[in-house]
N, C-alpha and C. Protein backbone atom coordinates (compact mmCIF):
# COMPACT_ATOMS: atom_id res chain seq x y z
N MET A 1 4.50 -82.42 136.10
CA MET A 1 5.29 -82.07 134.93
C MET A 1 4.31 -83.07 133.55
N ALA A 2 4.77 -82.17 132.11
CA ALA A 2 4.13 -83.45 131.42
C ALA A 2 5.65 -84.23 130.55
N ASP A 3 5.61 -85.61 130.72
CA ASP A 3 6.32 -85.94 129.95
C ASP A 3 6.42 -85.67 128.60
N TRP A 4 7.18 -84.99 128.04
CA TRP A 4 6.93 -85.01 126.49
C TRP A 4 7.82 -86.22 125.52
N ALA A 5 8.71 -86.79 126.09
CA ALA A 5 9.41 -87.98 125.74
C ALA A 5 8.46 -89.17 125.42
N THR A 6 7.15 -89.04 126.50
CA THR A 6 6.25 -90.31 126.37
C THR A 6 5.31 -89.62 125.59
N ILE A 7 5.07 -88.61 125.32
CA ILE A 7 3.70 -87.57 124.71
C ILE A 7 4.31 -87.93 123.10
N SER A 8 5.25 -87.35 123.09
CA SER A 8 6.42 -87.42 121.52
C SER A 8 5.93 -88.69 121.42
N ALA A 9 6.16 -90.01 122.13
CA ALA A 9 6.55 -91.42 121.52
C ALA A 9 4.86 -91.75 121.45
N LEU A 10 3.67 -91.85 122.07
CA LEU A 10 2.39 -92.17 121.89
C LEU A 10 2.18 -91.28 120.52
N ALA A 11 2.79 -90.00 120.24
CA ALA A 11 2.06 -89.15 118.95
C ALA A 11 2.76 -89.97 117.59
N THR A 12 4.11 -90.18 117.95
CA THR A 12 4.75 -90.93 117.04
C THR A 12 3.97 -92.24 116.72
N ALA A 13 4.02 -92.87 117.77
CA ALA A 13 3.40 -94.24 117.12
C ALA A 13 1.79 -94.33 116.69
N GLY A 14 0.45 -93.41 117.21
CA GLY A 14 -0.61 -92.97 116.68
C GLY A 14 -0.19 -92.87 115.57
N GLY A 15 0.62 -91.75 115.23
CA GLY A 15 0.94 -91.48 113.49
C GLY A 15 1.27 -92.30 112.69
N THR A 16 1.89 -93.63 113.62
CA THR A 16 2.33 -94.88 112.46
C THR A 16 1.16 -95.68 112.41
N LEU A 17 0.22 -95.44 113.23
CA LEU A 17 -0.83 -96.59 112.89
C LEU A 17 -1.64 -96.48 112.24
N VAL A 18 -2.08 -94.64 112.04
CA VAL A 18 -2.86 -94.51 111.00
C VAL A 18 -2.70 -94.31 109.78
N LEU A 19 -0.81 -94.16 109.83
CA LEU A 19 -0.52 -94.30 108.40
C LEU A 19 -0.54 -95.78 107.65
N ALA A 20 0.17 -96.89 109.06
CA ALA A 20 -0.35 -98.22 108.84
C ALA A 20 -1.71 -98.85 107.83
N GLY A 21 -2.34 -97.79 108.48
CA GLY A 21 -4.09 -98.07 108.26
C GLY A 21 -4.24 -97.69 106.71
N ALA A 22 -3.90 -96.70 106.62
CA ALA A 22 -4.22 -95.96 104.97
C ALA A 22 -3.32 -97.29 104.43
N THR A 23 -2.12 -97.28 104.56
CA THR A 23 -1.80 -98.55 103.77
C THR A 23 -2.54 -99.46 103.44
N PHE A 24 -2.51 -100.05 104.04
CA PHE A 24 -3.46 -101.57 104.25
C PHE A 24 -4.42 -101.35 103.59
N ALA A 25 -5.03 -99.78 103.80
CA ALA A 25 -6.48 -99.78 102.64
C ALA A 25 -6.20 -99.86 101.48
N SER A 26 -5.18 -98.90 101.30
CA SER A 26 -4.30 -98.66 99.55
C SER A 26 -4.21 -100.06 99.43
N VAL A 27 -3.17 -100.53 99.65
CA VAL A 27 -2.76 -101.86 99.10
C VAL A 27 -3.91 -103.02 99.14
N ARG A 28 -5.19 -102.85 99.79
CA ARG A 28 -6.43 -103.72 99.88
C ARG A 28 -6.83 -103.55 98.40
N SER A 29 -7.52 -102.04 98.24
CA SER A 29 -7.96 -101.46 96.76
C SER A 29 -7.40 -101.79 96.07
N ALA A 30 -5.77 -101.40 96.03
CA ALA A 30 -5.26 -102.26 94.75
C ALA A 30 -4.75 -103.53 94.17
N ASN A 31 -5.16 -104.20 95.10
CA ASN A 31 -5.36 -105.55 94.77
C ASN A 31 -6.46 -105.93 94.51
N ARG A 32 -7.70 -105.15 95.48
CA ARG A 32 -9.28 -105.55 94.19
C ARG A 32 -9.18 -104.98 92.94
N ALA A 33 -8.22 -103.73 92.20
CA ALA A 33 -8.57 -102.97 91.33
C ALA A 33 -7.49 -104.07 90.16
N ALA A 34 -6.44 -104.62 90.50
CA ALA A 34 -5.35 -105.53 89.60
C ALA A 34 -6.41 -107.17 90.14
N ARG A 35 -7.03 -107.78 90.85
CA ARG A 35 -7.82 -108.83 90.38
C ARG A 35 -9.41 -108.80 89.58
N ALA A 36 -10.01 -107.35 89.67
CA ALA A 36 -10.51 -107.26 88.70
C ALA A 36 -10.17 -106.97 86.77
N ALA A 37 -8.96 -106.15 87.13
CA ALA A 37 -8.31 -106.30 85.41
C ALA A 37 -8.02 -107.66 85.24
N GLU A 38 -7.63 -108.13 85.85
CA GLU A 38 -7.16 -109.61 85.98
C GLU A 38 -7.95 -110.15 85.27
N VAL A 39 -9.38 -110.44 86.02
CA VAL A 39 -10.31 -111.50 85.58
C VAL A 39 -11.50 -110.11 83.88
N SER A 40 -10.96 -109.29 84.07
CA SER A 40 -11.71 -108.43 83.01
C SER A 40 -10.76 -108.97 81.63
N LEU A 41 -9.50 -109.57 81.98
CA LEU A 41 -8.32 -109.52 80.79
C LEU A 41 -8.42 -111.01 80.06
N LEU A 42 -9.02 -111.93 81.53
CA LEU A 42 -9.07 -113.22 81.09
C LEU A 42 -10.66 -114.00 80.35
N ALA A 43 -11.37 -112.90 80.84
CA ALA A 43 -12.71 -112.79 80.34
C ALA A 43 -12.56 -112.72 78.60
N GLY A 44 -11.87 -111.59 78.57
CA GLY A 44 -12.07 -111.15 77.03
C GLY A 44 -10.99 -111.91 76.18
N LEU A 45 -10.27 -112.89 76.85
CA LEU A 45 -9.48 -114.06 75.96
C LEU A 45 -10.45 -115.55 76.10
N ARG A 46 -11.34 -115.73 76.69
CA ARG A 46 -12.11 -117.16 77.11
C ARG A 46 -12.52 -117.43 75.72
N PRO A 47 -12.17 -119.17 75.52
CA PRO A 47 -13.30 -119.18 74.50
C PRO A 47 -14.92 -120.39 74.83
N LEU A 48 -15.59 -120.66 74.10
CA LEU A 48 -16.71 -121.57 74.11
C LEU A 48 -17.09 -121.72 72.80
N LEU A 49 -16.98 -123.46 72.52
CA LEU A 49 -17.29 -124.13 71.85
C LEU A 49 -18.78 -124.40 71.20
N VAL A 50 -19.73 -124.40 70.29
CA VAL A 50 -21.20 -124.67 70.71
C VAL A 50 -21.37 -125.48 69.24
N PRO A 51 -22.03 -126.06 68.83
CA PRO A 51 -21.72 -126.27 67.51
C PRO A 51 -22.87 -125.54 66.22
N SER A 52 -21.96 -125.25 65.59
CA SER A 52 -22.62 -123.84 64.45
C SER A 52 -23.75 -124.13 64.11
N ARG A 53 -24.46 -122.94 63.35
CA ARG A 53 -26.04 -122.66 63.65
C ARG A 53 -25.71 -123.69 62.08
N LEU A 54 -27.70 -124.21 61.93
CA LEU A 54 -27.70 -124.42 60.90
C LEU A 54 -27.39 -124.10 59.48
N ASP A 55 -27.59 -122.57 59.02
CA ASP A 55 -27.50 -122.01 58.13
C ASP A 55 -26.29 -121.77 57.93
N ASP A 56 -25.13 -122.53 58.80
CA ASP A 56 -23.15 -121.81 58.15
C ASP A 56 -23.33 -122.57 57.19
N PRO A 57 -22.20 -122.01 56.80
CA PRO A 57 -21.64 -122.63 55.52
C PRO A 57 -21.18 -124.18 55.52
N ASP A 58 -21.46 -124.78 54.71
CA ASP A 58 -20.77 -126.06 54.56
C ASP A 58 -19.47 -125.65 54.76
N GLN A 59 -18.60 -126.77 55.20
CA GLN A 59 -17.01 -126.58 55.09
C GLN A 59 -16.39 -128.26 54.89
N LYS A 60 -15.36 -128.01 53.95
CA LYS A 60 -15.03 -129.12 53.44
C LYS A 60 -13.64 -129.60 54.56
N VAL A 61 -13.08 -130.52 55.10
CA VAL A 61 -12.06 -131.24 55.83
C VAL A 61 -11.51 -131.96 55.52
N PRO A 62 -10.66 -131.97 55.22
CA PRO A 62 -9.36 -132.30 54.55
C PRO A 62 -8.31 -133.27 55.90
N PHE A 63 -7.74 -134.78 55.50
CA PHE A 63 -7.17 -135.32 56.39
C PHE A 63 -5.92 -135.48 55.59
N ILE A 64 -4.67 -136.13 56.44
CA ILE A 64 -3.51 -135.52 55.82
C ILE A 64 -3.50 -137.08 55.02
N ASP A 65 -4.23 -138.43 55.40
CA ASP A 65 -3.66 -139.27 54.05
C ASP A 65 -4.83 -138.87 52.81
N ASP A 66 -5.82 -137.41 52.79
CA ASP A 66 -5.78 -137.57 51.46
C ASP A 66 -7.20 -137.97 51.53
N ARG A 67 -8.01 -137.86 52.72
CA ARG A 67 -9.57 -138.28 52.69
C ARG A 67 -9.96 -136.58 53.04
N ARG A 68 -11.77 -136.89 52.32
CA ARG A 68 -11.88 -135.87 52.99
C ARG A 68 -13.84 -135.68 53.35
N LEU A 69 -14.08 -135.54 54.57
CA LEU A 69 -15.24 -134.75 54.48
C LEU A 69 -15.95 -133.62 54.52
N LEU A 70 -17.18 -133.57 54.17
CA LEU A 70 -18.23 -132.34 54.00
C LEU A 70 -18.93 -132.06 55.26
N VAL A 71 -19.23 -131.38 56.00
CA VAL A 71 -19.81 -131.38 56.90
C VAL A 71 -20.94 -130.01 57.18
N HIS A 72 -22.00 -130.01 57.65
CA HIS A 72 -22.67 -129.05 57.18
C HIS A 72 -22.97 -128.00 58.39
N GLY A 73 -23.60 -126.95 58.61
CA GLY A 73 -23.70 -126.47 59.50
C GLY A 73 -24.52 -127.11 60.51
N GLY A 74 -23.80 -126.71 61.08
CA GLY A 74 -24.86 -127.49 63.00
C GLY A 74 -24.94 -128.89 63.14
N SER A 75 -23.66 -129.52 62.75
CA SER A 75 -23.84 -130.82 61.54
C SER A 75 -22.33 -131.87 62.46
N GLY A 76 -22.41 -133.05 62.37
CA GLY A 76 -20.79 -133.64 62.38
C GLY A 76 -20.85 -134.87 60.98
N ALA A 77 -19.75 -135.21 60.65
CA ALA A 77 -19.95 -136.03 59.57
C ALA A 77 -18.81 -137.36 60.23
N VAL A 78 -19.13 -138.79 59.75
CA VAL A 78 -18.00 -139.75 60.58
C VAL A 78 -18.03 -139.97 58.99
N ASP A 79 -17.02 -140.46 58.60
CA ASP A 79 -17.02 -141.76 57.61
C ASP A 79 -15.84 -142.90 58.04
N VAL A 80 -16.00 -144.39 57.67
CA VAL A 80 -15.61 -145.79 57.98
C VAL A 80 -14.77 -146.47 57.08
N THR A 81 -13.73 -146.80 57.07
CA THR A 81 -12.95 -147.73 56.61
C THR A 81 -12.55 -149.06 57.48
N ASP A 82 -12.32 -150.07 56.39
CA ASP A 82 -11.52 -151.05 57.10
C ASP A 82 -10.31 -150.99 58.34
N ASP A 83 -9.84 -149.88 57.56
CA ASP A 83 -8.52 -149.16 58.45
C ASP A 83 -8.28 -148.16 59.42
N ALA A 84 -9.81 -147.46 59.33
CA ALA A 84 -9.60 -146.09 59.68
C ALA A 84 -11.08 -145.54 59.83
N VAL A 85 -11.37 -144.55 60.90
CA VAL A 85 -12.72 -143.73 60.96
C VAL A 85 -11.97 -142.32 61.23
N TYR A 86 -12.90 -141.63 60.04
CA TYR A 86 -12.57 -140.07 60.21
C TYR A 86 -13.84 -139.52 60.74
N ALA A 87 -13.60 -138.51 61.38
CA ALA A 87 -14.85 -137.73 61.66
C ALA A 87 -14.31 -136.19 61.81
N ALA A 88 -15.45 -135.67 61.50
CA ALA A 88 -15.55 -133.90 62.04
C ALA A 88 -16.68 -133.63 62.32
N LEU A 89 -16.87 -131.84 62.75
CA LEU A 89 -17.81 -131.64 63.25
C LEU A 89 -17.64 -129.99 63.58
N SER A 90 -18.97 -129.21 62.45
CA SER A 90 -18.83 -128.36 62.26
C SER A 90 -19.33 -127.03 64.13
N VAL A 91 -18.45 -126.36 64.51
CA VAL A 91 -18.30 -125.58 65.66
C VAL A 91 -18.38 -124.12 65.33
N ARG A 92 -19.11 -123.37 66.40
CA ARG A 92 -19.00 -121.90 66.62
C ARG A 92 -18.42 -121.64 67.38
N ASN A 93 -17.47 -120.84 67.63
CA ASN A 93 -16.93 -120.08 68.81
C ASN A 93 -17.62 -118.98 69.49
N VAL A 94 -18.25 -119.07 70.44
CA VAL A 94 -19.17 -118.20 71.11
C VAL A 94 -18.39 -117.00 72.26
N GLY A 95 -17.80 -117.30 72.52
CA GLY A 95 -16.65 -117.13 72.93
C GLY A 95 -16.02 -115.60 73.44
N THR A 96 -15.62 -114.87 73.46
CA THR A 96 -14.66 -113.68 73.48
C THR A 96 -13.35 -113.75 72.61
N GLY A 97 -12.48 -114.72 72.84
CA GLY A 97 -10.94 -115.46 73.00
C GLY A 97 -11.02 -116.35 71.59
N LEU A 98 -9.90 -116.43 70.96
CA LEU A 98 -9.48 -117.39 69.69
C LEU A 98 -9.53 -118.86 70.79
N ALA A 99 -9.92 -120.07 69.99
CA ALA A 99 -9.56 -121.02 70.62
C ALA A 99 -8.85 -122.25 70.12
N VAL A 100 -8.27 -122.65 70.57
CA VAL A 100 -6.99 -123.31 70.41
C VAL A 100 -7.87 -124.68 71.05
N LEU A 101 -7.74 -125.83 69.72
CA LEU A 101 -8.00 -126.97 70.27
C LEU A 101 -6.98 -127.89 70.28
N HIS A 102 -6.84 -129.10 71.84
CA HIS A 102 -5.85 -129.62 71.90
C HIS A 102 -5.89 -130.99 71.99
N GLY A 103 -7.61 -131.53 71.87
CA GLY A 103 -7.32 -132.80 72.09
C GLY A 103 -8.55 -133.65 72.02
N TRP A 104 -9.18 -134.70 71.97
CA TRP A 104 -10.63 -135.18 71.68
C TRP A 104 -10.95 -136.84 72.36
N HIS A 105 -11.97 -137.04 72.51
CA HIS A 105 -12.60 -138.62 72.85
C HIS A 105 -13.46 -139.01 72.51
N LEU A 106 -13.72 -139.81 71.27
CA LEU A 106 -14.65 -139.78 70.82
C LEU A 106 -15.06 -141.44 71.01
N TYR A 107 -16.70 -141.68 71.50
CA TYR A 107 -16.99 -142.51 71.64
C TYR A 107 -18.36 -142.85 71.30
N PRO A 108 -18.91 -144.46 71.53
CA PRO A 108 -20.64 -144.74 70.89
C PRO A 108 -21.66 -144.38 72.26
N GLY A 109 -22.56 -143.92 71.66
CA GLY A 109 -23.70 -143.85 72.38
C GLY A 109 -23.09 -142.16 74.11
N MET A 110 -24.01 -142.57 74.98
CA MET A 110 -23.68 -141.82 76.16
C MET A 110 -23.32 -142.27 76.85
N PRO A 111 -22.14 -141.24 77.76
CA PRO A 111 -21.14 -141.75 79.23
C PRO A 111 -21.91 -142.14 80.21
N PRO A 112 -21.80 -143.33 80.86
CA PRO A 112 -22.64 -143.72 82.04
C PRO A 112 -23.03 -142.67 83.04
N GLU A 113 -21.64 -142.09 83.45
CA GLU A 113 -22.00 -141.13 84.31
C GLU A 113 -21.87 -139.49 83.35
N ILE A 114 -23.07 -139.03 83.10
CA ILE A 114 -23.06 -137.64 82.68
C ILE A 114 -21.97 -136.48 82.72
N SER A 115 -22.04 -136.35 84.31
CA SER A 115 -20.99 -135.62 84.71
C SER A 115 -19.63 -135.43 84.70
N GLU A 116 -19.37 -136.56 83.88
CA GLU A 116 -17.51 -137.03 84.40
C GLU A 116 -17.21 -137.41 83.05
N HIS A 117 -15.92 -137.06 82.85
CA HIS A 117 -14.93 -137.11 81.96
C HIS A 117 -13.65 -137.66 81.78
N LEU A 118 -12.94 -138.02 81.03
CA LEU A 118 -11.63 -138.91 81.29
C LEU A 118 -10.54 -137.31 81.07
N PRO A 119 -9.54 -137.71 82.26
CA PRO A 119 -8.36 -136.67 82.60
C PRO A 119 -7.94 -136.00 81.23
N PRO A 120 -7.68 -135.32 81.18
CA PRO A 120 -7.00 -134.34 79.75
C PRO A 120 -5.79 -135.08 79.48
N GLU A 121 -4.89 -135.70 80.20
CA GLU A 121 -4.17 -135.88 79.67
C GLU A 121 -4.13 -137.49 79.04
N GLU A 122 -5.23 -137.91 79.01
CA GLU A 122 -6.08 -139.41 78.49
C GLU A 122 -6.64 -138.67 77.43
N PHE A 123 -6.80 -137.62 76.83
CA PHE A 123 -7.67 -137.14 75.55
C PHE A 123 -6.42 -137.41 73.91
N THR A 124 -7.25 -137.72 72.97
CA THR A 124 -6.29 -138.18 72.23
C THR A 124 -5.38 -136.52 71.25
N ARG A 125 -3.98 -136.64 71.40
CA ARG A 125 -3.91 -135.39 71.00
C ARG A 125 -3.97 -134.95 69.73
N LEU A 126 -4.19 -133.65 69.44
CA LEU A 126 -4.61 -133.45 67.41
C LEU A 126 -2.52 -133.38 67.20
N THR A 127 -2.97 -133.65 65.55
CA THR A 127 -2.00 -133.73 65.46
C THR A 127 -1.13 -132.78 64.68
N ARG A 128 -2.28 -131.65 64.46
CA ARG A 128 -2.07 -130.54 64.00
C ARG A 128 -2.95 -128.92 64.51
N ASP A 129 -2.35 -128.02 64.86
CA ASP A 129 -2.94 -126.46 65.87
C ASP A 129 -4.55 -126.75 64.79
N ILE A 130 -5.38 -126.52 65.34
CA ILE A 130 -6.57 -125.87 64.93
C ILE A 130 -7.20 -124.59 65.94
N TYR A 131 -7.40 -123.68 64.99
CA TYR A 131 -7.76 -122.57 65.96
C TYR A 131 -9.30 -122.15 65.08
N VAL A 132 -10.00 -121.75 66.45
CA VAL A 132 -11.41 -121.18 65.74
C VAL A 132 -11.80 -119.82 66.36
N ALA A 133 -11.73 -118.92 65.15
CA ALA A 133 -11.00 -117.04 66.03
C ALA A 133 -12.94 -116.70 66.73
N ALA A 134 -13.11 -116.21 67.48
CA ALA A 134 -14.03 -115.65 68.48
C ALA A 134 -14.97 -115.24 67.73
N GLY A 135 -16.45 -115.36 67.51
CA GLY A 135 -17.31 -115.08 67.02
C GLY A 135 -17.43 -115.86 64.91
N ASP A 136 -16.54 -116.75 65.37
CA ASP A 136 -16.66 -117.43 64.30
C ASP A 136 -16.36 -118.76 63.84
N VAL A 137 -17.21 -118.89 62.82
CA VAL A 137 -17.13 -120.82 62.58
C VAL A 137 -16.12 -121.59 62.41
N GLY A 138 -15.67 -122.68 62.89
CA GLY A 138 -14.27 -123.54 62.31
C GLY A 138 -14.79 -125.09 62.55
N ILE A 139 -13.84 -125.85 62.88
CA ILE A 139 -14.37 -127.29 62.50
C ILE A 139 -12.91 -127.96 63.85
N TRP A 140 -13.74 -129.23 64.22
CA TRP A 140 -13.07 -130.17 65.00
C TRP A 140 -13.17 -131.33 64.00
N GLN A 141 -11.75 -132.05 64.11
CA GLN A 141 -11.67 -133.12 63.17
C GLN A 141 -10.74 -134.25 64.14
N GLY A 142 -10.84 -135.73 63.64
CA GLY A 142 -9.71 -136.48 64.30
C GLY A 142 -10.24 -137.71 63.57
N ALA A 143 -8.73 -138.50 63.74
CA ALA A 143 -9.43 -140.36 63.15
C ALA A 143 -8.65 -141.04 64.29
N PHE A 144 -9.47 -141.86 64.35
CA PHE A 144 -8.55 -143.24 64.04
C PHE A 144 -7.98 -144.31 63.34
N ARG A 145 -6.75 -144.21 63.01
CA ARG A 145 -5.69 -144.78 61.82
C ARG A 145 -5.44 -146.09 62.42
N ASP A 146 -5.42 -146.69 63.71
CA ASP A 146 -4.83 -147.95 64.16
C ASP A 146 -6.46 -148.40 64.39
N ALA A 147 -6.23 -150.37 63.96
CA ALA A 147 -7.59 -150.60 63.98
C ALA A 147 -7.35 -151.20 65.65
N SER A 148 -6.39 -151.50 66.07
CA SER A 148 -6.39 -152.12 67.32
C SER A 148 -6.62 -150.97 68.74
N ALA A 149 -6.56 -149.65 67.62
CA ALA A 149 -6.44 -148.65 68.78
C ALA A 149 -8.07 -148.93 69.91
N PRO A 150 -7.99 -148.57 70.86
CA PRO A 150 -9.31 -148.50 71.94
C PRO A 150 -10.18 -147.51 71.20
N GLY A 151 -11.33 -148.46 71.26
CA GLY A 151 -12.53 -147.32 70.61
C GLY A 151 -13.03 -146.85 69.25
N PHE A 152 -11.93 -147.91 68.93
CA PHE A 152 -11.97 -147.70 66.99
C PHE A 152 -13.08 -149.07 66.59
N VAL A 153 -13.26 -149.71 67.42
CA VAL A 153 -14.23 -151.02 66.78
C VAL A 153 -15.65 -150.78 67.20
N GLU A 154 -15.81 -150.25 68.42
CA GLU A 154 -16.60 -149.78 69.34
C GLU A 154 -16.96 -148.67 68.49
N VAL A 155 -16.60 -147.62 67.96
CA VAL A 155 -16.70 -146.49 67.19
C VAL A 155 -17.61 -146.94 65.69
N ARG A 156 -16.42 -148.08 65.05
CA ARG A 156 -17.46 -148.26 63.82
C ARG A 156 -18.74 -149.29 63.46
N ARG A 157 -18.50 -149.58 64.82
CA ARG A 157 -20.12 -150.74 64.60
C ARG A 157 -21.05 -149.66 65.13
N ALA A 158 -20.80 -148.56 65.39
CA ALA A 158 -21.91 -147.54 65.90
C ALA A 158 -22.32 -146.83 64.70
N VAL A 159 -21.90 -146.55 64.11
CA VAL A 159 -21.67 -145.53 62.85
C VAL A 159 -21.95 -146.22 61.87
N GLU A 160 -22.03 -148.06 61.62
CA GLU A 160 -22.70 -148.77 60.77
C GLU A 160 -24.01 -149.37 60.76
N ALA A 161 -24.62 -148.60 62.66
CA ALA A 161 -25.50 -149.24 62.73
C ALA A 161 -26.69 -147.90 63.04
N GLY A 162 -25.69 -146.71 62.44
CA GLY A 162 -26.50 -145.76 62.97
C GLY A 162 -26.84 -145.31 64.39
N GLU A 163 -25.52 -145.21 65.00
CA GLU A 163 -25.97 -144.97 66.35
C GLU A 163 -25.79 -143.91 66.87
N ARG A 164 -25.88 -143.19 67.86
CA ARG A 164 -25.79 -141.77 68.32
C ARG A 164 -23.88 -141.89 68.92
N LEU A 165 -23.29 -140.94 68.74
CA LEU A 165 -21.91 -140.95 68.96
C LEU A 165 -21.74 -139.43 70.12
N THR A 166 -20.72 -139.72 70.89
CA THR A 166 -20.15 -138.38 71.61
C THR A 166 -19.06 -138.79 71.38
N VAL A 167 -18.24 -137.19 71.44
CA VAL A 167 -17.27 -136.38 71.92
C VAL A 167 -17.05 -135.06 72.29
N ASP A 168 -15.81 -135.66 73.70
CA ASP A 168 -15.36 -134.55 74.05
C ASP A 168 -14.11 -133.66 73.28
N VAL A 169 -14.35 -132.59 73.47
CA VAL A 169 -13.28 -131.44 72.89
C VAL A 169 -12.58 -130.54 73.69
N LEU A 170 -10.98 -131.10 74.07
CA LEU A 170 -10.27 -130.30 75.02
C LEU A 170 -9.53 -128.94 74.13
N TYR A 171 -9.65 -127.59 74.57
CA TYR A 171 -9.11 -126.53 74.03
C TYR A 171 -9.05 -125.96 74.99
N GLY A 172 -8.54 -124.92 74.84
CA GLY A 172 -7.96 -123.23 75.76
C GLY A 172 -8.33 -122.26 74.60
N ASP A 173 -7.33 -121.37 75.56
CA ASP A 173 -7.60 -119.68 75.10
C ASP A 173 -6.02 -119.94 74.32
N PHE A 174 -5.38 -118.91 73.88
CA PHE A 174 -4.32 -119.16 73.08
C PHE A 174 -3.23 -119.14 73.19
N GLU A 175 -3.19 -118.37 75.17
CA GLU A 175 -2.44 -118.39 76.01
C GLU A 175 -1.97 -120.03 76.55
N GLY A 176 -2.95 -121.20 76.27
CA GLY A 176 -2.16 -122.58 76.65
C GLY A 176 -3.81 -122.23 77.91
N GLY A 177 -3.87 -121.41 78.41
CA GLY A 177 -5.08 -121.63 80.00
C GLY A 177 -6.51 -121.41 79.30
N GLN A 178 -7.03 -121.43 80.34
CA GLN A 178 -8.98 -121.29 80.50
C GLN A 178 -9.13 -122.68 79.46
N ARG A 179 -8.32 -123.64 79.67
CA ARG A 179 -9.13 -125.13 79.11
C ARG A 179 -10.26 -125.68 79.75
N VAL A 180 -10.97 -126.30 78.70
CA VAL A 180 -12.82 -126.50 78.77
C VAL A 180 -12.66 -127.50 77.86
N ILE A 181 -13.15 -128.18 78.45
CA ILE A 181 -13.98 -129.77 77.53
C ILE A 181 -15.35 -129.55 77.29
N THR A 182 -16.14 -129.60 75.89
CA THR A 182 -17.18 -129.41 75.54
C THR A 182 -17.66 -130.46 75.29
N ARG A 183 -18.78 -131.23 75.59
CA ARG A 183 -19.11 -132.53 75.50
C ARG A 183 -20.50 -132.24 74.10
N PHE A 184 -20.24 -132.97 73.23
CA PHE A 184 -20.70 -132.61 71.50
C PHE A 184 -21.51 -134.20 71.63
N GLY A 185 -22.74 -134.38 71.48
CA GLY A 185 -23.56 -135.03 70.93
C GLY A 185 -24.04 -135.40 69.35
N LEU A 186 -23.77 -136.64 68.84
CA LEU A 186 -23.86 -136.71 67.53
C LEU A 186 -25.16 -137.43 67.30
N LEU A 187 -26.30 -137.14 66.75
CA LEU A 187 -27.71 -137.32 66.55
C LEU A 187 -28.01 -138.31 64.96
N PRO A 188 -27.29 -139.27 64.97
CA PRO A 188 -27.84 -139.58 63.69
C PRO A 188 -28.85 -139.34 62.64
N ARG A 189 -28.32 -138.63 61.49
CA ARG A 189 -29.71 -138.51 60.04
C ARG A 189 -30.06 -140.06 59.42
N GLU A 190 -30.28 -139.85 58.64
CA GLU A 190 -31.35 -140.52 57.76
C GLU A 190 -29.89 -140.91 56.71
N ASP A 191 -29.19 -140.09 56.55
CA ASP A 191 -27.67 -140.75 55.47
C ASP A 191 -26.89 -140.71 56.54
N ARG A 192 -26.09 -142.25 55.81
CA ARG A 192 -25.12 -142.47 56.82
C ARG A 192 -24.42 -141.62 57.01
N GLY A 193 -23.22 -141.75 58.26
CA GLY A 193 -22.51 -140.81 58.38
C GLY A 193 -22.92 -139.40 58.50
N ALA A 194 -23.76 -139.08 58.76
CA ALA A 194 -24.46 -137.59 58.79
C ALA A 194 -24.85 -137.74 60.04
N TYR A 195 -24.48 -136.27 61.00
CA TYR A 195 -25.10 -136.13 62.66
C TYR A 195 -25.86 -134.93 62.68
N LEU A 196 -26.83 -134.77 63.41
CA LEU A 196 -26.51 -133.34 63.85
C LEU A 196 -26.36 -133.42 65.09
N ALA A 197 -25.84 -132.12 65.54
CA ALA A 197 -24.47 -132.47 66.50
C ALA A 197 -25.22 -130.95 67.39
N ALA A 198 -25.13 -131.42 69.35
CA ALA A 198 -25.64 -130.51 70.12
C ALA A 198 -24.27 -130.62 70.94
N ALA A 199 -24.58 -129.70 71.70
CA ALA A 199 -23.57 -129.40 72.89
C ALA A 199 -24.01 -129.61 74.12
N GLY A 200 -23.91 -130.47 74.94
CA GLY A 200 -24.24 -130.91 76.04
C GLY A 200 -23.72 -130.62 77.38
N ARG A 201 -22.68 -130.48 77.65
CA ARG A 201 -21.84 -129.69 78.87
C ARG A 201 -20.66 -129.05 78.12
N HIS A 202 -20.55 -128.09 79.20
CA HIS A 202 -18.91 -127.38 79.43
C HIS A 202 -18.26 -128.01 80.96
N TRP A 203 -17.32 -128.14 80.73
CA TRP A 203 -16.02 -128.34 82.04
C TRP A 203 -15.15 -126.86 81.80
N ASN A 204 -15.16 -126.65 82.88
CA ASN A 204 -13.88 -125.73 83.15
C ASN A 204 -12.83 -126.52 84.08
N LEU A 205 -11.41 -126.29 83.79
CA LEU A 205 -10.46 -127.17 83.65
C LEU A 205 -9.79 -126.28 84.82
N ASP A 206 -9.18 -124.57 83.99
CA ASP A 206 -8.10 -124.24 85.13
C ASP A 206 -8.72 -123.14 86.26
N ARG A 207 -10.52 -123.17 86.15
CA ARG A 207 -11.27 -122.14 87.19
C ARG A 207 -12.84 -122.84 87.57
N ALA A 208 -13.35 -122.00 88.74
CA ALA A 208 -14.37 -122.59 89.19
C ALA A 208 -15.13 -122.84 88.36
N ASP A 209 -16.28 -124.46 88.27
CA ASP A 209 -17.12 -124.21 87.59
C ASP A 209 -18.41 -123.81 88.03
N PRO A 210 -19.07 -122.99 86.91
CA PRO A 210 -20.46 -122.58 87.53
C PRO A 210 -21.48 -123.12 88.03
N ARG A 211 -21.34 -124.69 88.40
CA ARG A 211 -22.37 -125.92 88.81
C ARG A 211 -22.03 -125.55 90.52
């Protein structure tokens, strides 16, 4: 004689198992869709800075103490005095999102370890917000105003000697995420204080590097 209670329990268990499997598959599918949507959203906000084109317009870069630099497309400019070093760079945002600049590290020559950079907290913070719209040109600027500051003497000597400079620029998207460090090489031109800019390396700080 059939044990209907047992059969009913087994049928219920089987139905529950099928339902659990369907729910699990549905949740996995929803998670994948949510992750894909998140990746797509972040990609739409992601900035990436490179030197501007040589035929991009000149830009006048003012400093708070009434100093000004003129930077040409694809170039940088540096001016030195007894008390300060002023630097600026013409950049283009080839990413898809607004770039918000956070900080910088300017130094002479090339780093001994080309694959390394300072920790973000050791970068010199910008004293004002600088934004570069997606697909547009903009500037980076920085200044040493303390002759005793680390790097001041070395950078001034390099400028006076017509030597190469390097600047690492820290920036991210407008929500403060997707931070990137881009290393720009500044190659001296014939005119003192004028430099040809080149991007040498990009580091992603908040997501995996592509290398």
